[in-house]
Amino acid sequence: MNLQNRVQKLITFSPNLYTLIERKTKALGISFPEYIRMLAVSDIKEQVEALPMVDEETEKLIAKGLQDVKHGRYTELRTDEDIDKHLDSL
């Protein structure tokens, strides 16, 4: 993800809560910010899953791929031998 697309927020914690979270993050082997992100995603998982997670260029490539399949413009590879032959031909 491009760093320009990130939002930074300042959050205030009580010393006791901060200490507890620090212990938890160390036990999990993750950073404090990653733990907070994990909690946020866990809390709103269904909403996050509904959000588009690809950029506009990727969406265009997916649409083109679907059109190619619809119009029969694809190579079907059923066996390892088919895959090997196809890769050798590239």
PDB file of N, CA and C in Angstrom:
ATOM      1  N   MET A   1       0.845  -1.185   0.000  1.00  0.00           N
ATOM      2  CA  MET A   1       0.000   0.000   0.000  1.00  0.00           C
ATOM      3  C   MET A   1       0.883   1.238   0.000  1.00  0.00           C
ATOM      4  N   ASN A   2       0.537   2.210  -0.768  1.00  0.00           N
ATOM      5  CA  ASN A   2       1.249   3.460  -0.840  1.00  0.00           C
ATOM      6  C   ASN A   2       1.114   4.197   0.489  1.00  0.00           C
ATOM      7  N   LEU A   3       2.231   4.710   1.024  1.00  0.00           N
ATOM      8  CA  LEU A   3       2.187   5.401   2.313  1.00  0.00           C
ATOM      9  C   LEU A   3       1.317   6.649   2.276  1.00  0.00           C
ATOM     10  N   GLN A   4       1.107   7.213   1.088  1.00  0.00           N
ATOM     11  CA  GLN A   4       0.243   8.386   0.970  1.00  0.00           C
ATOM     12  C   GLN A   4      -1.211   8.027   1.222  1.00  0.00           C
ATOM     13  N   ASN A   5      -1.563   6.758   1.148  1.00  0.00           N
ATOM     14  CA  ASN A   5      -2.941   6.322   1.348  1.00  0.00           C
ATOM     15  C   ASN A   5      -3.208   5.894   2.782  1.00  0.00           C
ATOM     16  N   ARG A   6      -2.341   6.250   3.696  1.00  0.00           N
ATOM     17  CA  ARG A   6      -2.504   5.856   5.095  1.00  0.00           C
ATOM     18  C   ARG A   6      -2.953   7.048   5.934  1.00  0.00           C
ATOM     19  N   VAL A   7      -3.637   6.753   7.012  1.00  0.00           N
ATOM     20  CA  VAL A   7      -4.084   7.774   7.954  1.00  0.00           C
ATOM     21  C   VAL A   7      -3.439   7.468   9.292  1.00  0.00           C
ATOM     22  N   GLN A   8      -2.908   8.489   9.914  1.00  0.00           N
ATOM     23  CA  GLN A   8      -2.279   8.312  11.213  1.00  0.00           C
ATOM     24  C   GLN A   8      -3.119   9.044  12.256  1.00  0.00           C
ATOM     25  N   LYS A   9      -3.387   8.364  13.378  1.00  0.00           N
ATOM     26  CA  LYS A   9      -4.186   8.947  14.450  1.00  0.00           C
ATOM     27  C   LYS A   9      -3.418   8.842  15.760  1.00  0.00           C
ATOM     28  N   LEU A  10      -3.624   9.797  16.619  1.00  0.00           N
ATOM     29  CA  LEU A  10      -3.035   9.783  17.957  1.00  0.00           C
ATOM     30  C   LEU A  10      -4.087   9.241  18.918  1.00  0.00           C
ATOM     31  N   ILE A  11      -3.728   8.190  19.666  1.00  0.00           N
ATOM     32  CA  ILE A  11      -4.657   7.575  20.614  1.00  0.00           C
ATOM     33  C   ILE A  11      -4.038   7.657  22.007  1.00  0.00           C
ATOM     34  N   THR A  12      -4.820   8.063  22.972  1.00  0.00           N
ATOM     35  CA  THR A  12      -4.345   8.151  24.346  1.00  0.00           C
ATOM     36  C   THR A  12      -4.826   6.942  25.133  1.00  0.00           C
ATOM     37  N   PHE A  13      -3.886   6.290  25.833  1.00  0.00           N
ATOM     38  CA  PHE A  13      -4.185   5.128  26.671  1.00  0.00           C
ATOM     39  C   PHE A  13      -3.816   5.440  28.105  1.00  0.00           C
ATOM     40  N   SER A  14      -4.529   4.862  29.038  1.00  0.00           N
ATOM     41  CA  SER A  14      -4.095   4.957  30.436  1.00  0.00           C
ATOM     42  C   SER A  14      -2.799   4.164  30.562  1.00  0.00           C
ATOM     43  N   PRO A  15      -1.947   4.512  31.509  1.00  0.00           N
ATOM     44  CA  PRO A  15      -0.701   3.758  31.681  1.00  0.00           C
ATOM     45  C   PRO A  15      -0.934   2.262  31.899  1.00  0.00           C
ATOM     46  N   ASN A  16      -1.974   1.913  32.678  1.00  0.00           N
ATOM     47  CA  ASN A  16      -2.239   0.503  32.941  1.00  0.00           C
ATOM     48  C   ASN A  16      -2.650  -0.240  31.667  1.00  0.00           C
ATOM     49  N   LEU A  17      -3.541   0.358  30.884  1.00  0.00           N
ATOM     50  CA  LEU A  17      -3.971  -0.280  29.646  1.00  0.00           C
ATOM     51  C   LEU A  17      -2.799  -0.409  28.678  1.00  0.00           C
ATOM     52  N   TYR A  18      -2.001   0.633  28.580  1.00  0.00           N
ATOM     53  CA  TYR A  18      -0.843   0.610  27.691  1.00  0.00           C
ATOM     54  C   TYR A  18       0.106  -0.525  28.076  1.00  0.00           C
ATOM     55  N   THR A  19       0.360  -0.678  29.354  1.00  0.00           N
ATOM     56  CA  THR A  19       1.246  -1.744  29.841  1.00  0.00           C
ATOM     57  C   THR A  19       0.684  -3.113  29.496  1.00  0.00           C
ATOM     58  N   LEU A  20      -0.608  -3.291  29.691  1.00  0.00           N
ATOM     59  CA  LEU A  20      -1.232  -4.575  29.367  1.00  0.00           C
ATOM     60  C   LEU A  20      -1.139  -4.881  27.874  1.00  0.00           C
ATOM     61  N   ILE A  21      -1.381  -3.871  27.047  1.00  0.00           N
ATOM     62  CA  ILE A  21      -1.300  -4.070  25.602  1.00  0.00           C
ATOM     63  C   ILE A  21       0.142  -4.364  25.188  1.00  0.00           C
ATOM     64  N   GLU A  22       1.104  -3.666  25.772  1.00  0.00           N
ATOM     65  CA  GLU A  22       2.512  -3.917  25.465  1.00  0.00           C
ATOM     66  C   GLU A  22       2.889  -5.360  25.796  1.00  0.00           C
ATOM     67  N   ARG A  23       2.439  -5.859  26.927  1.00  0.00           N
ATOM     68  CA  ARG A  23       2.713  -7.253  27.297  1.00  0.00           C
ATOM     69  C   ARG A  23       2.111  -8.211  26.270  1.00  0.00           C
ATOM     70  N   LYS A  24       0.891  -7.916  25.858  1.00  0.00           N
ATOM     71  CA  LYS A  24       0.196  -8.767  24.896  1.00  0.00           C
ATOM     72  C   LYS A  24       0.927  -8.771  23.549  1.00  0.00           C
ATOM     73  N   THR A  25       1.345  -7.592  23.079  1.00  0.00           N
ATOM     74  CA  THR A  25       2.021  -7.514  21.783  1.00  0.00           C
ATOM     75  C   THR A  25       3.362  -8.241  21.820  1.00  0.00           C
ATOM     76  N   LYS A  26       4.071  -8.127  22.923  1.00  0.00           N
ATOM     77  CA  LYS A  26       5.349  -8.843  23.051  1.00  0.00           C
ATOM     78  C   LYS A  26       5.123 -10.345  23.055  1.00  0.00           C
ATOM     79  N   ALA A  27       4.081 -10.788  23.738  1.00  0.00           N
ATOM     80  CA  ALA A  27       3.772 -12.219  23.785  1.00  0.00           C
ATOM     81  C   ALA A  27       3.393 -12.740  22.391  1.00  0.00           C
ATOM     82  N   LEU A  28       2.706 -11.908  21.608  1.00  0.00           N
ATOM     83  CA  LEU A  28       2.296 -12.295  20.260  1.00  0.00           C
ATOM     84  C   LEU A  28       3.404 -12.099  19.233  1.00  0.00           C
ATOM     85  N   GLY A  29       4.402 -11.305  19.601  1.00  0.00           N
ATOM     86  CA  GLY A  29       5.502 -11.031  18.679  1.00  0.00           C
ATOM     87  C   GLY A  29       5.134 -10.072  17.571  1.00  0.00           C
ATOM     88  N   ILE A  30       4.205  -9.156  17.862  1.00  0.00           N
ATOM     89  CA  ILE A  30       3.802  -8.159  16.862  1.00  0.00           C
ATOM     90  C   ILE A  30       3.954  -6.765  17.444  1.00  0.00           C
ATOM     91  N   SER A  31       3.925  -5.771  16.587  1.00  0.00           N
ATOM     92  CA  SER A  31       4.064  -4.392  17.044  1.00  0.00           C
ATOM     93  C   SER A  31       2.755  -3.886  17.660  1.00  0.00           C
ATOM     94  N   PHE A  32       2.876  -2.845  18.445  1.00  0.00           N
ATOM     95  CA  PHE A  32       1.715  -2.218  19.071  1.00  0.00           C
ATOM     96  C   PHE A  32       0.708  -1.760  18.011  1.00  0.00           C
ATOM     97  N   PRO A  33       1.145  -1.007  16.974  1.00  0.00           N
ATOM     98  CA  PRO A  33       0.190  -0.580  15.943  1.00  0.00           C
ATOM     99  C   PRO A  33      -0.465  -1.756  15.210  1.00  0.00           C
ATOM    100  N   GLU A  34       0.305  -2.814  14.946  1.00  0.00           N
ATOM    101  CA  GLU A  34      -0.266  -3.970  14.255  1.00  0.00           C
ATOM    102  C   GLU A  34      -1.345  -4.620  15.111  1.00  0.00           C
ATOM    103  N   TYR A  35      -1.144  -4.672  16.410  1.00  0.00           N
ATOM    104  CA  TYR A  35      -2.149  -5.241  17.319  1.00  0.00           C
ATOM    105  C   TYR A  35      -3.439  -4.425  17.280  1.00  0.00           C
ATOM    106  N   ILE A  36      -3.311  -3.111  17.299  1.00  0.00           N
ATOM    107  CA  ILE A  36      -4.486  -2.234  17.257  1.00  0.00           C
ATOM    108  C   ILE A  36      -5.209  -2.400  15.924  1.00  0.00           C
ATOM    109  N   ARG A  37      -4.452  -2.473  14.798  1.00  0.00           N
ATOM    110  CA  ARG A  37      -5.075  -2.708  13.494  1.00  0.00           C
ATOM    111  C   ARG A  37      -5.804  -4.042  13.486  1.00  0.00           C
ATOM    112  N   MET A  38      -5.171  -5.082  14.058  1.00  0.00           N
ATOM    113  CA  MET A  38      -5.776  -6.410  14.114  1.00  0.00           C
ATOM    114  C   MET A  38      -7.099  -6.364  14.888  1.00  0.00           C
ATOM    115  N   LEU A  39      -7.127  -5.645  16.000  1.00  0.00           N
ATOM    116  CA  LEU A  39      -8.358  -5.517  16.775  1.00  0.00           C
ATOM    117  C   LEU A  39      -9.446  -4.803  15.980  1.00  0.00           C
ATOM    118  N   ALA A  40      -9.059  -3.744  15.297  1.00  0.00           N
ATOM    119  CA  ALA A  40     -10.031  -2.980  14.508  1.00  0.00           C
ATOM    120  C   ALA A  40     -10.622  -3.839  13.397  1.00  0.00           C
ATOM    121  N   VAL A  41      -9.780  -4.556  12.681  1.00  0.00           N
ATOM    122  CA  VAL A  41     -10.256  -5.412  11.594  1.00  0.00           C
ATOM    123  C   VAL A  41     -11.141  -6.520  12.146  1.00  0.00           C
ATOM    124  N   SER A  42     -10.740  -7.102  13.262  1.00  0.00           N
ATOM    125  CA  SER A  42     -11.528  -8.158  13.883  1.00  0.00           C
ATOM    126  C   SER A  42     -12.918  -7.639  14.263  1.00  0.00           C
ATOM    127  N   ASP A  43     -12.966  -6.413  14.749  1.00  0.00           N
ATOM    128  CA  ASP A  43     -14.218  -5.835  15.202  1.00  0.00           C
ATOM    129  C   ASP A  43     -15.177  -5.534  14.046  1.00  0.00           C
ATOM    130  N   ILE A  44     -14.634  -5.144  12.912  1.00  0.00           N
ATOM    131  CA  ILE A  44     -15.483  -4.762  11.781  1.00  0.00           C
ATOM    132  C   ILE A  44     -15.268  -5.683  10.584  1.00  0.00           C
ATOM    133  N   LYS A  45     -14.939  -6.937  10.849  1.00  0.00           N
ATOM    134  CA  LYS A  45     -14.570  -7.894   9.804  1.00  0.00           C
ATOM    135  C   LYS A  45     -15.581  -7.961   8.656  1.00  0.00           C
ATOM    136  N   GLU A  46     -16.852  -8.088   8.951  1.00  0.00           N
ATOM    137  CA  GLU A  46     -17.852  -8.198   7.882  1.00  0.00           C
ATOM    138  C   GLU A  46     -17.865  -6.962   7.005  1.00  0.00           C
ATOM    139  N   GLN A  47     -17.730  -5.796   7.613  1.00  0.00           N
ATOM    140  CA  GLN A  47     -17.714  -4.566   6.827  1.00  0.00           C
ATOM    141  C   GLN A  47     -16.443  -4.483   5.995  1.00  0.00           C
ATOM    142  N   VAL A  48     -15.313  -4.886   6.560  1.00  0.00           N
ATOM    143  CA  VAL A  48     -14.045  -4.834   5.838  1.00  0.00           C
ATOM    144  C   VAL A  48     -14.073  -5.791   4.654  1.00  0.00           C
ATOM    145  N   GLU A  49     -14.665  -6.976   4.834  1.00  0.00           N
ATOM    146  CA  GLU A  49     -14.732  -7.942   3.741  1.00  0.00           C
ATOM    147  C   GLU A  49     -15.560  -7.421   2.576  1.00  0.00           C
ATOM    148  N   ALA A  50     -16.480  -6.524   2.842  1.00  0.00           N
ATOM    149  CA  ALA A  50     -17.326  -5.970   1.786  1.00  0.00           C
ATOM    150  C   ALA A  50     -16.640  -4.835   1.027  1.00  0.00           C
ATOM    151  N   LEU A  51     -15.546  -4.300   1.574  1.00  0.00           N
ATOM    152  CA  LEU A  51     -14.853  -3.193   0.924  1.00  0.00           C
ATOM    153  C   LEU A  51     -13.999  -3.695  -0.232  1.00  0.00           C
ATOM    154  N   PRO A  52     -13.904  -2.927  -1.300  1.00  0.00           N
ATOM    155  CA  PRO A  52     -13.014  -3.330  -2.393  1.00  0.00           C
ATOM    156  C   PRO A  52     -11.562  -3.242  -1.924  1.00  0.00           C
ATOM    157  N   MET A  53     -10.819  -4.332  -2.120  1.00  0.00           N
ATOM    158  CA  MET A  53      -9.440  -4.364  -1.655  1.00  0.00           C
ATOM    159  C   MET A  53      -8.439  -4.295  -2.809  1.00  0.00           C
ATOM    160  N   VAL A  54      -8.901  -3.938  -3.991  1.00  0.00           N
ATOM    161  CA  VAL A  54      -8.001  -3.819  -5.131  1.00  0.00           C
ATOM    162  C   VAL A  54      -8.101  -2.415  -5.694  1.00  0.00           C
ATOM    163  N   ASP A  55      -7.018  -1.996  -6.342  1.00  0.00           N
ATOM    164  CA  ASP A  55      -7.017  -0.657  -6.921  1.00  0.00           C
ATOM    165  C   ASP A  55      -7.708  -0.673  -8.289  1.00  0.00           C
ATOM    166  N   GLU A  56      -7.839   0.494  -8.863  1.00  0.00           N
ATOM    167  CA  GLU A  56      -8.580   0.636 -10.120  1.00  0.00           C
ATOM    168  C   GLU A  56      -7.922  -0.135 -11.264  1.00  0.00           C
ATOM    169  N   GLU A  57      -6.601  -0.122 -11.319  1.00  0.00           N
ATOM    170  CA  GLU A  57      -5.888  -0.840 -12.385  1.00  0.00           C
ATOM    171  C   GLU A  57      -6.154  -2.351 -12.283  1.00  0.00           C
ATOM    172  N   THR A  58      -6.127  -2.888 -11.071  1.00  0.00           N
ATOM    173  CA  THR A  58      -6.379  -4.314 -10.876  1.00  0.00           C
ATOM    174  C   THR A  58      -7.808  -4.658 -11.249  1.00  0.00           C
ATOM    175  N   GLU A  59      -8.758  -3.796 -10.901  1.00  0.00           N
ATOM    176  CA  GLU A  59     -10.151  -4.025 -11.279  1.00  0.00           C
ATOM    177  C   GLU A  59     -10.301  -4.106 -12.794  1.00  0.00           C
ATOM    178  N   LYS A  60      -9.580  -3.240 -13.528  1.00  0.00           N
ATOM    179  CA  LYS A  60      -9.636  -3.258 -14.991  1.00  0.00           C
ATOM    180  C   LYS A  60      -9.059  -4.561 -15.534  1.00  0.00           C
ATOM    181  N   LEU A  61      -7.951  -5.025 -14.944  1.00  0.00           N
ATOM    182  CA  LEU A  61      -7.348  -6.283 -15.396  1.00  0.00           C
ATOM    183  C   LEU A  61      -8.277  -7.468 -15.136  1.00  0.00           C
ATOM    184  N   ILE A  62      -8.951  -7.453 -13.989  1.00  0.00           N
ATOM    185  CA  ILE A  62      -9.911  -8.521 -13.677  1.00  0.00           C
ATOM    186  C   ILE A  62     -11.052  -8.504 -14.687  1.00  0.00           C
ATOM    187  N   ALA A  63     -11.575  -7.320 -14.987  1.00  0.00           N
ATOM    188  CA  ALA A  63     -12.670  -7.202 -15.952  1.00  0.00           C
ATOM    189  C   ALA A  63     -12.236  -7.702 -17.327  1.00  0.00           C
ATOM    190  N   LYS A  64     -11.009  -7.354 -17.734  1.00  0.00           N
ATOM    191  CA  LYS A  64     -10.492  -7.820 -19.030  1.00  0.00           C
ATOM    192  C   LYS A  64     -10.367  -9.334 -19.020  1.00  0.00           C
ATOM    193  N   GLY A  65      -9.869  -9.902 -17.930  1.00  0.00           N
ATOM    194  CA  GLY A  65      -9.739 -11.349 -17.828  1.00  0.00           C
ATOM    195  C   GLY A  65     -11.079 -12.050 -17.929  1.00  0.00           C
ATOM    196  N   LEU A  66     -12.084 -11.495 -17.290  1.00  0.00           N
ATOM    197  CA  LEU A  66     -13.425 -12.084 -17.361  1.00  0.00           C
ATOM    198  C   LEU A  66     -13.987 -12.011 -18.775  1.00  0.00           C
ATOM    199  N   GLN A  67     -13.728 -10.900 -19.469  1.00  0.00           N
ATOM    200  CA  GLN A  67     -14.178 -10.774 -20.857  1.00  0.00           C
ATOM    201  C   GLN A  67     -13.453 -11.780 -21.750  1.00  0.00           C
ATOM    202  N   ASP A  68     -12.134 -11.960 -21.508  1.00  0.00           N
ATOM    203  CA  ASP A  68     -11.370 -12.936 -22.285  1.00  0.00           C
ATOM    204  C   ASP A  68     -11.947 -14.338 -22.107  1.00  0.00           C
ATOM    205  N   VAL A  69     -12.269 -14.703 -20.887  1.00  0.00           N
ATOM    206  CA  VAL A  69     -12.854 -16.025 -20.633  1.00  0.00           C
ATOM    207  C   VAL A  69     -14.204 -16.139 -21.324  1.00  0.00           C
ATOM    208  N   LYS A  70     -15.015 -15.101 -21.222  1.00  0.00           N
ATOM    209  CA  LYS A  70     -16.345 -15.109 -21.838  1.00  0.00           C
ATOM    210  C   LYS A  70     -16.256 -15.328 -23.344  1.00  0.00           C
ATOM    211  N   HIS A  71     -15.217 -14.774 -23.982  1.00  0.00           N
ATOM    212  CA  HIS A  71     -15.063 -14.870 -25.427  1.00  0.00           C
ATOM    213  C   HIS A  71     -14.115 -15.996 -25.844  1.00  0.00           C
ATOM    214  N   GLY A  72     -13.767 -16.884 -24.913  1.00  0.00           N
ATOM    215  CA  GLY A  72     -12.945 -18.046 -25.254  1.00  0.00           C
ATOM    216  C   GLY A  72     -11.480 -17.757 -25.473  1.00  0.00           C
ATOM    217  N   ARG A  73     -10.992 -16.605 -25.009  1.00  0.00           N
ATOM    218  CA  ARG A  73      -9.587 -16.249 -25.195  1.00  0.00           C
ATOM    219  C   ARG A  73      -8.788 -16.651 -23.953  1.00  0.00           C
ATOM    220  N   TYR A  74      -8.554 -17.955 -23.849  1.00  0.00           N
ATOM    221  CA  TYR A  74      -7.759 -18.469 -22.736  1.00  0.00           C
ATOM    222  C   TYR A  74      -7.176 -19.805 -23.127  1.00  0.00           C
ATOM    223  N   THR A  75      -6.192 -20.250 -22.360  1.00  0.00           N
ATOM    224  CA  THR A  75      -5.562 -21.545 -22.604  1.00  0.00           C
ATOM    225  C   THR A  75      -5.896 -22.455 -21.440  1.00  0.00           C
ATOM    226  N   GLU A  76      -6.493 -23.576 -21.748  1.00  0.00           N
ATOM    227  CA  GLU A  76      -6.855 -24.529 -20.706  1.00  0.00           C
ATOM    228  C   GLU A  76      -5.702 -25.510 -20.507  1.00  0.00           C
ATOM    229  N   LEU A  77      -5.215 -25.599 -19.292  1.00  0.00           N
ATOM    230  CA  LEU A  77      -4.110 -26.487 -18.958  1.00  0.00           C
ATOM    231  C   LEU A  77      -4.608 -27.489 -17.930  1.00  0.00           C
ATOM    232  N   ARG A  78      -4.748 -28.741 -18.359  1.00  0.00           N
ATOM    233  CA  ARG A  78      -5.342 -29.765 -17.490  1.00  0.00           C
ATOM    234  C   ARG A  78      -4.314 -30.623 -16.770  1.00  0.00           C
ATOM    235  N   THR A  79      -3.139 -30.786 -17.337  1.00  0.00           N
ATOM    236  CA  THR A  79      -2.147 -31.683 -16.750  1.00  0.00           C
ATOM    237  C   THR A  79      -0.832 -30.944 -16.523  1.00  0.00           C
ATOM    238  N   ASP A  80       0.057 -31.557 -15.763  1.00  0.00           N
ATOM    239  CA  ASP A  80       1.392 -30.989 -15.573  1.00  0.00           C
ATOM    240  C   ASP A  80       2.121 -30.874 -16.909  1.00  0.00           C
ATOM    241  N   GLU A  81       1.888 -31.850 -17.775  1.00  0.00           N
ATOM    242  CA  GLU A  81       2.511 -31.825 -19.101  1.00  0.00           C
ATOM    243  C   GLU A  81       2.012 -30.630 -19.909  1.00  0.00           C
ATOM    244  N   ASP A  82       0.713 -30.351 -19.840  1.00  0.00           N
ATOM    245  CA  ASP A  82       0.156 -29.171 -20.520  1.00  0.00           C
ATOM    246  C   ASP A  82       0.816 -27.896 -20.008  1.00  0.00           C
ATOM    247  N   ILE A  83       0.991 -27.841 -18.704  1.00  0.00           N
ATOM    248  CA  ILE A  83       1.600 -26.646 -18.096  1.00  0.00           C
ATOM    249  C   ILE A  83       3.034 -26.506 -18.574  1.00  0.00           C
ATOM    250  N   ASP A  84       3.791 -27.594 -18.542  1.00  0.00           N
ATOM    251  CA  ASP A  84       5.182 -27.556 -18.988  1.00  0.00           C
ATOM    252  C   ASP A  84       5.290 -27.119 -20.436  1.00  0.00           C
ATOM    253  N   LYS A  85       4.464 -27.688 -21.304  1.00  0.00           N
ATOM    254  CA  LYS A  85       4.492 -27.324 -22.724  1.00  0.00           C
ATOM    255  C   LYS A  85       4.161 -25.842 -22.913  1.00  0.00           C
ATOM    256  N   HIS A  86       3.166 -25.398 -22.190  1.00  0.00           N
ATOM    257  CA  HIS A  86       2.764 -23.989 -22.320  1.00  0.00           C
ATOM    258  C   HIS A  86       3.887 -23.066 -21.847  1.00  0.00           C
ATOM    259  N   LEU A  87       4.483 -23.376 -20.713  1.00  0.00           N
ATOM    260  CA  LEU A  87       5.566 -22.525 -20.202  1.00  0.00           C
ATOM    261  C   LEU A  87       6.772 -22.548 -21.127  1.00  0.00           C
ATOM    262  N   ASP A  88       7.068 -23.700 -21.707  1.00  0.00           N
ATOM    263  CA  ASP A  88       8.179 -23.796 -22.662  1.00  0.00           C
ATOM    264  C   ASP A  88       7.923 -22.961 -23.912  1.00  0.00           C
ATOM    265  N   SER A  89       6.655 -22.809 -24.263  1.00  0.00           N
ATOM    266  CA  SER A  89       6.320 -22.056 -25.477  1.00  0.00           C
ATOM    267  C   SER A  89       6.391 -20.541 -25.280  1.00  0.00           C
ATOM    268  N   LEU A  90       6.466 -20.117 -24.063  1.00  0.00           N
ATOM    269  CA  LEU A  90       6.506 -18.654 -23.793  1.00  0.00           C
ATOM    270  C   LEU A  90       7.866 -18.055 -24.022  1.00  0.00           C
TER     271      LEU A  90
END
